[in-house]
Amino acid sequence: MAARFLFEKSIERAFTSRIREAFQAVRVGPGSNDRSQMGSLIDLQNRDRVARLIEQAGDEGELVLKGEPPGGDLAAGAFLTPTLFRIDNLDSPLVQEELFGPIVSIETFETESEAVVKANATRFSLAASVFTQDLNRAMRVSRAIRAGTVWLNCHGRLFAEGETGGYRHSGLGRLHGVEGLHDFLETKHMYLEAGQVGPGL
């Protein structure tokens, strides 16, 4: 799940409204229920950790939709509904940390270079997506973003033949592709001084 959305300022309000509506419609529940669209966090400790982040981030941006533990049969589980923030502060934990919870931050930009600076303003860089109708811009921005995977006009597409892994503090090593085989290999270096031995069986 993407944790940060960067929108051109002129379209941010419209997209924020659509995301809010989509998040409100998400059906939270156990994976054993076919109707569930989002499951629980790993445990109650992490649910409480994410809930604290939501409370602490209230002073750093505009809370558009607050995630809360659902009631009823799910009240005792590690469930949390989605949260949506507007953020201007790049130092916010919502920007600088990997949250591992249903929180999305929305940021705005006015120029391409500002978008790249903001996208790269975190030490975690597992993956990113670029959406544009301009192919030259797509390639230019994708090269400038420091992330292990950059999708163009899509998100979350993975293939066994294409390696995946993060930059900087995201991920550990590489998975899939030729690069993904390296962690399963044990490299040996053998050196033979020329002229020291002859051919043999």
N, C-alpha and C. Protein backbone atom coordinates (compact mmCIF):
# COMPACT_ATOMS: atom_id res chain seq x y z
N MET A 1 0.84 -1.19 0.00
CA MET A 1 0.00 0.00 0.00
C MET A 1 0.88 1.24 0.00
N ALA A 2 0.57 2.20 -0.83
CA ALA A 2 1.31 3.46 -0.86
C ALA A 2 1.03 4.25 0.42
N ALA A 3 2.06 4.88 0.98
CA ALA A 3 1.92 5.62 2.23
C ALA A 3 1.87 7.12 2.01
N ARG A 4 2.41 7.59 0.87
CA ARG A 4 2.44 9.02 0.58
C ARG A 4 1.90 9.27 -0.82
N PHE A 5 1.01 10.24 -0.94
CA PHE A 5 0.52 10.68 -2.24
C PHE A 5 0.98 12.12 -2.46
N LEU A 6 1.64 12.38 -3.57
CA LEU A 6 2.04 13.73 -3.93
C LEU A 6 1.23 14.16 -5.14
N PHE A 7 0.43 15.21 -4.98
CA PHE A 7 -0.44 15.68 -6.04
C PHE A 7 -0.03 17.09 -6.47
N GLU A 8 -0.16 17.36 -7.77
CA GLU A 8 -0.03 18.73 -8.22
C GLU A 8 -1.11 19.56 -7.52
N LYS A 9 -0.72 20.73 -7.06
CA LYS A 9 -1.58 21.51 -6.17
C LYS A 9 -2.97 21.76 -6.75
N SER A 10 -3.07 21.95 -8.06
CA SER A 10 -4.34 22.29 -8.69
C SER A 10 -5.37 21.16 -8.63
N ILE A 11 -4.93 19.93 -8.45
CA ILE A 11 -5.86 18.80 -8.45
C ILE A 11 -5.96 18.11 -7.09
N GLU A 12 -5.21 18.62 -6.10
CA GLU A 12 -5.14 17.92 -4.81
C GLU A 12 -6.49 17.80 -4.12
N ARG A 13 -7.26 18.87 -4.09
CA ARG A 13 -8.53 18.85 -3.36
C ARG A 13 -9.49 17.82 -3.94
N ALA A 14 -9.56 17.76 -5.25
CA ALA A 14 -10.47 16.82 -5.89
C ALA A 14 -10.07 15.38 -5.60
N PHE A 15 -8.76 15.09 -5.67
CA PHE A 15 -8.31 13.73 -5.41
C PHE A 15 -8.43 13.37 -3.93
N THR A 16 -8.18 14.33 -3.06
CA THR A 16 -8.33 14.07 -1.63
C THR A 16 -9.75 13.66 -1.30
N SER A 17 -10.72 14.34 -1.90
CA SER A 17 -12.12 14.02 -1.67
C SER A 17 -12.44 12.59 -2.13
N ARG A 18 -11.90 12.22 -3.28
CA ARG A 18 -12.15 10.87 -3.81
C ARG A 18 -11.49 9.80 -2.94
N ILE A 19 -10.29 10.07 -2.47
CA ILE A 19 -9.59 9.11 -1.61
C ILE A 19 -10.34 8.95 -0.28
N ARG A 20 -10.79 10.06 0.26
CA ARG A 20 -11.55 10.02 1.52
C ARG A 20 -12.78 9.14 1.37
N GLU A 21 -13.51 9.31 0.29
CA GLU A 21 -14.70 8.50 0.05
C GLU A 21 -14.34 7.02 -0.09
N ALA A 22 -13.25 6.75 -0.79
CA ALA A 22 -12.83 5.36 -0.97
C ALA A 22 -12.42 4.74 0.36
N PHE A 23 -11.71 5.50 1.20
CA PHE A 23 -11.28 4.98 2.49
C PHE A 23 -12.47 4.73 3.42
N GLN A 24 -13.45 5.59 3.36
CA GLN A 24 -14.64 5.41 4.20
C GLN A 24 -15.41 4.15 3.82
N ALA A 25 -15.26 3.72 2.57
CA ALA A 25 -16.00 2.55 2.09
C ALA A 25 -15.25 1.24 2.30
N VAL A 26 -14.00 1.31 2.78
CA VAL A 26 -13.20 0.10 2.96
C VAL A 26 -13.82 -0.78 4.05
N ARG A 27 -13.97 -2.05 3.72
CA ARG A 27 -14.51 -3.00 4.69
C ARG A 27 -13.37 -3.66 5.45
N VAL A 28 -13.25 -3.32 6.72
CA VAL A 28 -12.20 -3.87 7.58
C VAL A 28 -12.72 -5.15 8.22
N GLY A 29 -11.88 -6.19 8.22
CA GLY A 29 -12.32 -7.44 8.83
C GLY A 29 -11.28 -8.53 8.68
N PRO A 30 -11.54 -9.68 9.24
CA PRO A 30 -10.58 -10.79 9.19
C PRO A 30 -10.42 -11.34 7.78
N GLY A 31 -9.24 -11.86 7.49
CA GLY A 31 -8.98 -12.43 6.19
C GLY A 31 -9.84 -13.62 5.85
N SER A 32 -10.41 -14.25 6.85
CA SER A 32 -11.28 -15.41 6.63
C SER A 32 -12.64 -15.02 6.07
N ASN A 33 -12.94 -13.72 6.10
CA ASN A 33 -14.21 -13.22 5.59
C ASN A 33 -14.01 -12.73 4.16
N ASP A 34 -14.73 -13.31 3.20
CA ASP A 34 -14.58 -12.95 1.80
C ASP A 34 -14.91 -11.49 1.53
N ARG A 35 -15.67 -10.86 2.39
CA ARG A 35 -16.06 -9.46 2.18
C ARG A 35 -15.01 -8.49 2.69
N SER A 36 -14.05 -8.94 3.44
CA SER A 36 -13.03 -8.05 4.00
C SER A 36 -12.12 -7.53 2.90
N GLN A 37 -11.84 -6.24 2.96
CA GLN A 37 -10.91 -5.60 2.03
C GLN A 37 -9.59 -5.22 2.69
N MET A 38 -9.58 -5.12 4.00
CA MET A 38 -8.37 -4.80 4.74
C MET A 38 -8.39 -5.54 6.07
N GLY A 39 -7.33 -6.24 6.37
CA GLY A 39 -7.26 -7.02 7.60
C GLY A 39 -6.69 -6.23 8.77
N SER A 40 -6.23 -6.96 9.75
CA SER A 40 -5.74 -6.34 10.97
C SER A 40 -4.25 -6.03 10.87
N LEU A 41 -3.76 -5.23 11.81
CA LEU A 41 -2.33 -5.07 11.98
C LEU A 41 -1.80 -6.35 12.61
N ILE A 42 -0.47 -6.43 12.76
CA ILE A 42 0.13 -7.68 13.19
C ILE A 42 -0.28 -8.07 14.60
N ASP A 43 -0.48 -7.07 15.48
CA ASP A 43 -0.91 -7.37 16.85
C ASP A 43 -1.45 -6.10 17.50
N LEU A 44 -1.98 -6.24 18.73
CA LEU A 44 -2.57 -5.10 19.42
C LEU A 44 -1.54 -4.03 19.74
N GLN A 45 -0.32 -4.43 20.03
CA GLN A 45 0.74 -3.47 20.33
C GLN A 45 0.98 -2.54 19.14
N ASN A 46 0.99 -3.11 17.94
CA ASN A 46 1.20 -2.28 16.76
C ASN A 46 -0.03 -1.44 16.43
N ARG A 47 -1.21 -1.97 16.69
CA ARG A 47 -2.42 -1.15 16.50
C ARG A 47 -2.35 0.08 17.38
N ASP A 48 -1.96 -0.11 18.64
CA ASP A 48 -1.87 1.02 19.57
C ASP A 48 -0.75 1.98 19.17
N ARG A 49 0.34 1.45 18.63
CA ARG A 49 1.44 2.30 18.16
C ARG A 49 0.98 3.21 17.03
N VAL A 50 0.25 2.64 16.08
CA VAL A 50 -0.25 3.43 14.95
C VAL A 50 -1.29 4.44 15.43
N ALA A 51 -2.13 4.05 16.36
CA ALA A 51 -3.14 4.97 16.91
C ALA A 51 -2.45 6.16 17.59
N ARG A 52 -1.35 5.91 18.27
CA ARG A 52 -0.60 7.01 18.90
C ARG A 52 0.00 7.94 17.84
N LEU A 53 0.50 7.36 16.75
CA LEU A 53 1.03 8.18 15.66
C LEU A 53 -0.03 9.11 15.11
N ILE A 54 -1.24 8.60 14.97
CA ILE A 54 -2.34 9.41 14.45
C ILE A 54 -2.61 10.58 15.38
N GLU A 55 -2.62 10.32 16.68
CA GLU A 55 -2.87 11.40 17.65
C GLU A 55 -1.75 12.43 17.63
N GLN A 56 -0.51 11.96 17.57
CA GLN A 56 0.64 12.86 17.61
C GLN A 56 0.76 13.70 16.35
N ALA A 57 0.32 13.15 15.22
CA ALA A 57 0.46 13.85 13.95
C ALA A 57 -0.62 14.91 13.75
N GLY A 58 -1.56 14.97 14.65
CA GLY A 58 -2.66 15.93 14.51
C GLY A 58 -2.20 17.37 14.47
N ASP A 59 -1.06 17.67 15.12
CA ASP A 59 -0.55 19.04 15.15
C ASP A 59 0.33 19.36 13.95
N GLU A 60 0.63 18.37 13.12
CA GLU A 60 1.59 18.56 12.03
C GLU A 60 0.91 18.67 10.67
N GLY A 61 -0.36 18.46 10.61
CA GLY A 61 -1.06 18.53 9.33
C GLY A 61 -2.56 18.55 9.56
N GLU A 62 -3.30 18.48 8.48
CA GLU A 62 -4.75 18.49 8.54
C GLU A 62 -5.28 17.06 8.49
N LEU A 63 -5.99 16.68 9.53
CA LEU A 63 -6.57 15.34 9.58
C LEU A 63 -7.84 15.33 8.73
N VAL A 64 -7.80 14.59 7.64
CA VAL A 64 -8.94 14.51 6.72
C VAL A 64 -9.88 13.39 7.12
N LEU A 65 -9.31 12.28 7.54
CA LEU A 65 -10.11 11.13 7.97
C LEU A 65 -9.34 10.40 9.05
N LYS A 66 -9.94 10.24 10.20
CA LYS A 66 -9.25 9.62 11.34
C LYS A 66 -9.58 8.13 11.42
N GLY A 67 -8.54 7.32 11.44
CA GLY A 67 -8.72 5.89 11.63
C GLY A 67 -8.93 5.54 13.09
N GLU A 68 -9.82 4.62 13.33
CA GLU A 68 -10.14 4.22 14.70
C GLU A 68 -10.39 2.72 14.75
N PRO A 69 -10.22 2.12 15.92
CA PRO A 69 -10.57 0.70 16.05
C PRO A 69 -12.07 0.52 15.84
N PRO A 70 -12.46 -0.40 14.98
CA PRO A 70 -13.90 -0.61 14.77
C PRO A 70 -14.53 -1.26 15.99
N GLY A 71 -15.82 -1.13 16.08
CA GLY A 71 -16.53 -1.72 17.21
C GLY A 71 -17.04 -3.11 16.88
N GLY A 72 -18.03 -3.54 17.64
CA GLY A 72 -18.66 -4.83 17.41
C GLY A 72 -17.72 -6.00 17.61
N ASP A 73 -17.83 -6.99 16.73
CA ASP A 73 -17.03 -8.21 16.85
C ASP A 73 -15.54 -7.96 16.65
N LEU A 74 -15.17 -6.83 16.05
CA LEU A 74 -13.77 -6.56 15.75
C LEU A 74 -13.08 -5.77 16.85
N ALA A 75 -13.82 -5.36 17.87
CA ALA A 75 -13.27 -4.46 18.89
C ALA A 75 -12.07 -5.06 19.61
N ALA A 76 -12.04 -6.36 19.78
CA ALA A 76 -10.95 -6.99 20.53
C ALA A 76 -9.74 -7.30 19.66
N GLY A 77 -9.84 -7.09 18.36
CA GLY A 77 -8.74 -7.41 17.46
C GLY A 77 -7.85 -6.22 17.19
N ALA A 78 -6.82 -6.44 16.39
CA ALA A 78 -5.84 -5.39 16.07
C ALA A 78 -6.25 -4.63 14.80
N PHE A 79 -7.52 -4.30 14.71
CA PHE A 79 -8.04 -3.64 13.51
C PHE A 79 -8.03 -2.13 13.67
N LEU A 80 -7.86 -1.45 12.55
CA LEU A 80 -7.86 0.01 12.54
C LEU A 80 -8.35 0.46 11.17
N THR A 81 -9.29 1.38 11.14
CA THR A 81 -9.78 1.89 9.86
C THR A 81 -8.77 2.87 9.27
N PRO A 82 -8.84 3.15 7.97
CA PRO A 82 -7.82 4.00 7.33
C PRO A 82 -7.84 5.45 7.82
N THR A 83 -6.65 6.05 7.79
CA THR A 83 -6.45 7.44 8.17
C THR A 83 -5.88 8.21 6.99
N LEU A 84 -6.30 9.47 6.84
CA LEU A 84 -5.82 10.31 5.75
C LEU A 84 -5.44 11.68 6.30
N PHE A 85 -4.20 12.09 6.03
CA PHE A 85 -3.69 13.39 6.48
C PHE A 85 -3.27 14.23 5.29
N ARG A 86 -3.40 15.55 5.40
CA ARG A 86 -2.68 16.48 4.54
C ARG A 86 -1.44 16.93 5.32
N ILE A 87 -0.28 16.84 4.69
CA ILE A 87 0.98 17.14 5.38
C ILE A 87 1.78 18.17 4.58
N ASP A 88 2.32 19.15 5.29
CA ASP A 88 3.24 20.12 4.68
C ASP A 88 4.65 19.98 5.25
N ASN A 89 4.76 19.39 6.41
CA ASN A 89 6.05 19.30 7.11
C ASN A 89 6.77 18.01 6.71
N LEU A 90 7.87 18.15 5.98
CA LEU A 90 8.62 16.97 5.53
C LEU A 90 9.33 16.27 6.68
N ASP A 91 9.43 16.91 7.83
CA ASP A 91 10.05 16.27 8.99
C ASP A 91 9.05 15.43 9.79
N SER A 92 7.80 15.45 9.41
CA SER A 92 6.78 14.69 10.12
C SER A 92 7.09 13.19 10.08
N PRO A 93 6.82 12.47 11.18
CA PRO A 93 6.99 11.01 11.17
C PRO A 93 6.16 10.33 10.08
N LEU A 94 5.07 10.97 9.65
CA LEU A 94 4.25 10.39 8.58
C LEU A 94 5.00 10.39 7.25
N VAL A 95 6.01 11.24 7.14
CA VAL A 95 6.85 11.29 5.94
C VAL A 95 8.14 10.51 6.15
N GLN A 96 8.71 10.61 7.34
CA GLN A 96 10.06 10.12 7.58
C GLN A 96 10.14 8.67 8.07
N GLU A 97 9.04 8.09 8.47
CA GLU A 97 9.07 6.74 9.01
C GLU A 97 8.25 5.77 8.15
N GLU A 98 8.64 4.50 8.19
CA GLU A 98 7.80 3.45 7.61
C GLU A 98 6.77 3.08 8.67
N LEU A 99 5.52 3.34 8.39
CA LEU A 99 4.48 3.28 9.43
C LEU A 99 3.92 1.89 9.64
N PHE A 100 3.87 1.07 8.60
CA PHE A 100 3.30 -0.27 8.69
C PHE A 100 1.90 -0.23 9.30
N GLY A 101 1.10 0.67 8.79
CA GLY A 101 -0.27 0.80 9.26
C GLY A 101 -1.09 1.55 8.22
N PRO A 102 -2.41 1.57 8.37
CA PRO A 102 -3.30 2.17 7.36
C PRO A 102 -3.37 3.69 7.46
N ILE A 103 -2.22 4.35 7.22
CA ILE A 103 -2.15 5.80 7.23
C ILE A 103 -1.58 6.27 5.89
N VAL A 104 -2.25 7.23 5.28
CA VAL A 104 -1.77 7.82 4.04
C VAL A 104 -1.65 9.32 4.23
N SER A 105 -0.52 9.88 3.81
CA SER A 105 -0.34 11.33 3.84
C SER A 105 -0.43 11.89 2.44
N ILE A 106 -1.00 13.08 2.33
CA ILE A 106 -1.11 13.77 1.05
C ILE A 106 -0.29 15.04 1.10
N GLU A 107 0.58 15.21 0.09
CA GLU A 107 1.41 16.40 -0.03
C GLU A 107 1.18 16.99 -1.41
N THR A 108 1.51 18.26 -1.57
CA THR A 108 1.31 18.92 -2.85
C THR A 108 2.63 19.45 -3.40
N PHE A 109 2.64 19.68 -4.71
CA PHE A 109 3.79 20.31 -5.36
C PHE A 109 3.27 21.18 -6.50
N GLU A 110 4.11 22.13 -6.92
CA GLU A 110 3.74 23.01 -8.02
C GLU A 110 4.63 22.79 -9.24
N THR A 111 5.84 22.29 -9.04
CA THR A 111 6.75 22.06 -10.15
C THR A 111 7.28 20.64 -10.11
N GLU A 112 7.78 20.18 -11.23
CA GLU A 112 8.34 18.84 -11.31
C GLU A 112 9.52 18.68 -10.36
N SER A 113 10.38 19.66 -10.31
CA SER A 113 11.55 19.56 -9.43
C SER A 113 11.15 19.51 -7.97
N GLU A 114 10.11 20.25 -7.59
CA GLU A 114 9.62 20.19 -6.21
C GLU A 114 9.07 18.81 -5.88
N ALA A 115 8.39 18.20 -6.85
CA ALA A 115 7.85 16.85 -6.63
C ALA A 115 8.97 15.86 -6.39
N VAL A 116 10.05 15.96 -7.15
CA VAL A 116 11.18 15.04 -6.99
C VAL A 116 11.85 15.24 -5.64
N VAL A 117 12.05 16.51 -5.25
CA VAL A 117 12.67 16.79 -3.94
C VAL A 117 11.83 16.20 -2.82
N LYS A 118 10.53 16.37 -2.88
CA LYS A 118 9.66 15.84 -1.82
C LYS A 118 9.64 14.32 -1.84
N ALA A 119 9.60 13.73 -3.02
CA ALA A 119 9.60 12.27 -3.10
C ALA A 119 10.86 11.68 -2.50
N ASN A 120 11.99 12.38 -2.65
CA ASN A 120 13.27 11.88 -2.15
C ASN A 120 13.59 12.34 -0.73
N ALA A 121 12.66 13.01 -0.08
CA ALA A 121 12.93 13.62 1.22
C ALA A 121 12.74 12.67 2.39
N THR A 122 12.84 11.38 2.15
CA THR A 122 12.73 10.39 3.21
C THR A 122 13.84 9.37 3.06
N ARG A 123 14.26 8.78 4.17
CA ARG A 123 15.35 7.80 4.10
C ARG A 123 14.85 6.42 3.70
N PHE A 124 13.55 6.26 3.55
CA PHE A 124 12.99 4.98 3.12
C PHE A 124 12.53 5.08 1.68
N SER A 125 13.03 4.18 0.84
CA SER A 125 12.76 4.30 -0.60
C SER A 125 12.57 2.93 -1.23
N LEU A 126 11.55 2.23 -0.79
CA LEU A 126 11.30 0.90 -1.34
C LEU A 126 10.76 1.00 -2.76
N ALA A 127 9.68 1.76 -2.94
CA ALA A 127 9.05 1.83 -4.25
C ALA A 127 8.29 3.15 -4.40
N ALA A 128 8.04 3.51 -5.65
CA ALA A 128 7.30 4.74 -5.95
C ALA A 128 6.54 4.54 -7.25
N SER A 129 5.59 5.41 -7.49
CA SER A 129 4.85 5.41 -8.75
C SER A 129 4.80 6.82 -9.30
N VAL A 130 4.83 6.93 -10.62
CA VAL A 130 4.69 8.21 -11.30
C VAL A 130 3.52 8.11 -12.27
N PHE A 131 2.58 9.03 -12.13
CA PHE A 131 1.42 9.06 -13.02
C PHE A 131 1.44 10.34 -13.84
N THR A 132 1.51 10.21 -15.14
CA THR A 132 1.51 11.36 -16.04
C THR A 132 1.18 10.88 -17.45
N GLN A 133 0.69 11.80 -18.26
CA GLN A 133 0.42 11.50 -19.67
C GLN A 133 1.61 11.86 -20.56
N ASP A 134 2.64 12.44 -19.97
CA ASP A 134 3.83 12.87 -20.71
C ASP A 134 4.93 11.83 -20.52
N LEU A 135 5.22 11.06 -21.57
CA LEU A 135 6.20 9.98 -21.46
C LEU A 135 7.59 10.51 -21.12
N ASN A 136 7.99 11.62 -21.70
CA ASN A 136 9.31 12.18 -21.39
C ASN A 136 9.41 12.56 -19.92
N ARG A 137 8.34 13.15 -19.40
CA ARG A 137 8.34 13.50 -17.98
C ARG A 137 8.35 12.24 -17.12
N ALA A 138 7.61 11.23 -17.52
CA ALA A 138 7.59 9.98 -16.77
C ALA A 138 8.99 9.40 -16.63
N MET A 139 9.74 9.36 -17.73
CA MET A 139 11.08 8.80 -17.70
C MET A 139 12.04 9.69 -16.91
N ARG A 140 11.90 10.99 -17.08
CA ARG A 140 12.78 11.93 -16.39
C ARG A 140 12.59 11.87 -14.87
N VAL A 141 11.35 11.89 -14.43
CA VAL A 141 11.06 11.86 -13.00
C VAL A 141 11.41 10.50 -12.41
N SER A 142 11.13 9.43 -13.14
CA SER A 142 11.44 8.09 -12.64
C SER A 142 12.94 7.91 -12.40
N ARG A 143 13.76 8.48 -13.30
CA ARG A 143 15.21 8.39 -13.10
C ARG A 143 15.65 9.21 -11.90
N ALA A 144 14.97 10.31 -11.63
CA ALA A 144 15.37 11.20 -10.55
C ALA A 144 14.94 10.70 -9.18
N ILE A 145 13.89 9.90 -9.12
CA ILE A 145 13.40 9.39 -7.83
C ILE A 145 14.30 8.27 -7.35
N ARG A 146 14.74 8.37 -6.10
CA ARG A 146 15.62 7.38 -5.50
C ARG A 146 14.79 6.30 -4.83
N ALA A 147 14.39 5.31 -5.60
CA ALA A 147 13.60 4.20 -5.07
C ALA A 147 13.98 2.92 -5.80
N GLY A 148 13.83 1.80 -5.13
CA GLY A 148 14.22 0.53 -5.71
C GLY A 148 13.37 0.12 -6.89
N THR A 149 12.10 0.49 -6.87
CA THR A 149 11.18 0.24 -7.98
C THR A 149 10.39 1.51 -8.24
N VAL A 150 10.25 1.87 -9.50
CA VAL A 150 9.37 2.98 -9.88
C VAL A 150 8.41 2.47 -10.95
N TRP A 151 7.12 2.49 -10.63
CA TRP A 151 6.10 2.09 -11.59
C TRP A 151 5.61 3.32 -12.34
N LEU A 152 5.27 3.15 -13.60
CA LEU A 152 4.76 4.24 -14.42
C LEU A 152 3.28 4.00 -14.71
N ASN A 153 2.45 4.90 -14.23
CA ASN A 153 0.99 4.85 -14.44
C ASN A 153 0.36 3.56 -13.92
N CYS A 154 0.96 2.98 -12.91
CA CYS A 154 0.38 1.82 -12.20
C CYS A 154 1.08 1.73 -10.85
N HIS A 155 0.67 0.76 -10.04
CA HIS A 155 1.31 0.61 -8.72
C HIS A 155 1.23 -0.84 -8.28
N GLY A 156 2.33 -1.33 -7.74
CA GLY A 156 2.34 -2.65 -7.10
C GLY A 156 2.49 -3.83 -8.03
N ARG A 157 2.91 -3.61 -9.28
CA ARG A 157 3.09 -4.72 -10.21
C ARG A 157 4.46 -5.35 -9.99
N LEU A 158 4.50 -6.63 -9.67
CA LEU A 158 5.76 -7.35 -9.44
C LEU A 158 5.81 -8.60 -10.31
N PHE A 159 7.02 -8.94 -10.76
CA PHE A 159 7.23 -10.09 -11.63
C PHE A 159 8.42 -10.88 -11.12
N ALA A 160 8.34 -12.20 -11.17
CA ALA A 160 9.42 -13.05 -10.67
C ALA A 160 10.73 -12.80 -11.42
N GLU A 161 10.64 -12.45 -12.71
CA GLU A 161 11.85 -12.25 -13.49
C GLU A 161 12.47 -10.87 -13.29
N GLY A 162 11.77 -9.98 -12.62
CA GLY A 162 12.30 -8.64 -12.36
C GLY A 162 12.63 -8.48 -10.89
N GLU A 163 13.89 -8.13 -10.60
CA GLU A 163 14.29 -8.03 -9.19
C GLU A 163 13.54 -6.88 -8.51
N THR A 164 13.43 -6.98 -7.19
CA THR A 164 12.81 -5.91 -6.42
C THR A 164 13.56 -5.76 -5.11
N GLY A 165 13.63 -4.53 -4.65
CA GLY A 165 14.32 -4.23 -3.40
C GLY A 165 14.43 -2.73 -3.24
N GLY A 166 14.72 -2.27 -2.04
CA GLY A 166 14.71 -0.84 -1.77
C GLY A 166 16.07 -0.19 -1.79
N TYR A 167 16.05 1.14 -1.71
CA TYR A 167 17.25 1.95 -1.57
C TYR A 167 17.36 2.42 -0.12
N ARG A 168 18.56 2.80 0.25
CA ARG A 168 18.84 3.37 1.57
C ARG A 168 18.33 2.44 2.68
N HIS A 169 17.39 2.91 3.51
CA HIS A 169 16.98 2.11 4.68
C HIS A 169 15.80 1.18 4.40
N SER A 170 15.37 1.09 3.16
CA SER A 170 14.23 0.23 2.83
C SER A 170 14.70 -1.13 2.32
N GLY A 171 14.12 -2.17 2.86
CA GLY A 171 14.41 -3.50 2.37
C GLY A 171 15.80 -3.99 2.77
N LEU A 172 16.07 -5.24 2.44
CA LEU A 172 17.35 -5.87 2.75
C LEU A 172 17.69 -6.79 1.58
N GLY A 173 18.68 -6.41 0.80
CA GLY A 173 19.06 -7.22 -0.34
C GLY A 173 18.05 -7.09 -1.48
N ARG A 174 18.06 -8.08 -2.35
CA ARG A 174 17.19 -8.07 -3.53
C ARG A 174 16.44 -9.40 -3.62
N LEU A 175 15.24 -9.34 -4.19
CA LEU A 175 14.40 -10.52 -4.35
C LEU A 175 14.02 -10.63 -5.82
N HIS A 176 14.02 -11.84 -6.34
CA HIS A 176 13.66 -12.14 -7.72
C HIS A 176 14.75 -11.69 -8.70
N GLY A 177 14.58 -12.09 -9.95
CA GLY A 177 15.54 -11.72 -10.97
C GLY A 177 16.92 -12.32 -10.73
N VAL A 178 17.87 -11.98 -11.58
CA VAL A 178 19.24 -12.47 -11.44
C VAL A 178 19.86 -11.98 -10.14
N GLU A 179 19.62 -10.70 -9.81
CA GLU A 179 20.18 -10.15 -8.58
C GLU A 179 19.67 -10.88 -7.35
N GLY A 180 18.44 -11.37 -7.40
CA GLY A 180 17.87 -12.08 -6.27
C GLY A 180 18.52 -13.42 -6.00
N LEU A 181 19.23 -13.98 -7.00
CA LEU A 181 19.93 -15.25 -6.80
C LEU A 181 21.23 -15.09 -6.03
N HIS A 182 21.77 -13.88 -6.00
CA HIS A 182 23.10 -13.68 -5.41
C HIS A 182 23.16 -14.07 -3.93
N ASP A 183 22.07 -13.82 -3.20
CA ASP A 183 22.07 -14.15 -1.78
C ASP A 183 22.09 -15.65 -1.52
N PHE A 184 21.82 -16.46 -2.56
CA PHE A 184 21.81 -17.91 -2.40
C PHE A 184 23.11 -18.54 -2.90
N LEU A 185 24.04 -17.72 -3.32
CA LEU A 185 25.30 -18.21 -3.87
C LEU A 185 26.44 -18.00 -2.88
N GLU A 186 27.45 -18.86 -2.99
CA GLU A 186 28.67 -18.72 -2.20
C GLU A 186 29.84 -18.60 -3.18
N THR A 187 30.40 -17.43 -3.28
CA THR A 187 31.40 -17.15 -4.30
C THR A 187 32.78 -17.62 -3.85
N LYS A 188 33.48 -18.30 -4.76
CA LYS A 188 34.85 -18.75 -4.48
C LYS A 188 35.79 -18.16 -5.53
N HIS A 189 36.95 -17.67 -5.09
CA HIS A 189 37.96 -17.11 -5.97
C HIS A 189 39.13 -18.09 -6.01
N MET A 190 39.48 -18.59 -7.22
CA MET A 190 40.63 -19.50 -7.38
C MET A 190 41.66 -18.84 -8.28
N TYR A 191 42.93 -18.91 -7.87
CA TYR A 191 44.00 -18.27 -8.63
C TYR A 191 45.10 -19.28 -8.89
N LEU A 192 45.53 -19.37 -10.13
CA LEU A 192 46.62 -20.27 -10.51
C LEU A 192 47.75 -19.46 -11.11
N GLU A 193 48.93 -19.58 -10.52
CA GLU A 193 50.10 -18.91 -11.05
C GLU A 193 50.50 -19.55 -12.37
N ALA A 194 50.69 -18.76 -13.41
CA ALA A 194 51.01 -19.27 -14.74
C ALA A 194 52.31 -20.06 -14.72
N GLY A 195 52.32 -21.21 -15.40
CA GLY A 195 53.55 -22.02 -15.55
C GLY A 195 53.89 -22.88 -14.37
N GLN A 196 53.08 -22.94 -13.33
CA GLN A 196 53.43 -23.71 -12.12
C GLN A 196 53.07 -25.17 -12.24
N VAL A 197 52.04 -25.49 -13.03
CA VAL A 197 51.63 -26.88 -13.17
C VAL A 197 51.37 -27.18 -14.64
N GLY A 198 51.45 -28.44 -15.00
CA GLY A 198 51.18 -28.83 -16.37
C GLY A 198 49.83 -29.49 -16.49
N PRO A 199 49.43 -29.83 -17.69
CA PRO A 199 48.13 -30.50 -17.88
C PRO A 199 48.13 -31.87 -17.24
N GLY A 200 46.99 -32.27 -16.77
CA GLY A 200 46.88 -33.59 -16.17
C GLY A 200 45.44 -34.05 -16.18
N LEU A 201 45.25 -35.26 -15.72
CA LEU A 201 43.90 -35.80 -15.67
C LEU A 201 43.32 -35.59 -14.29
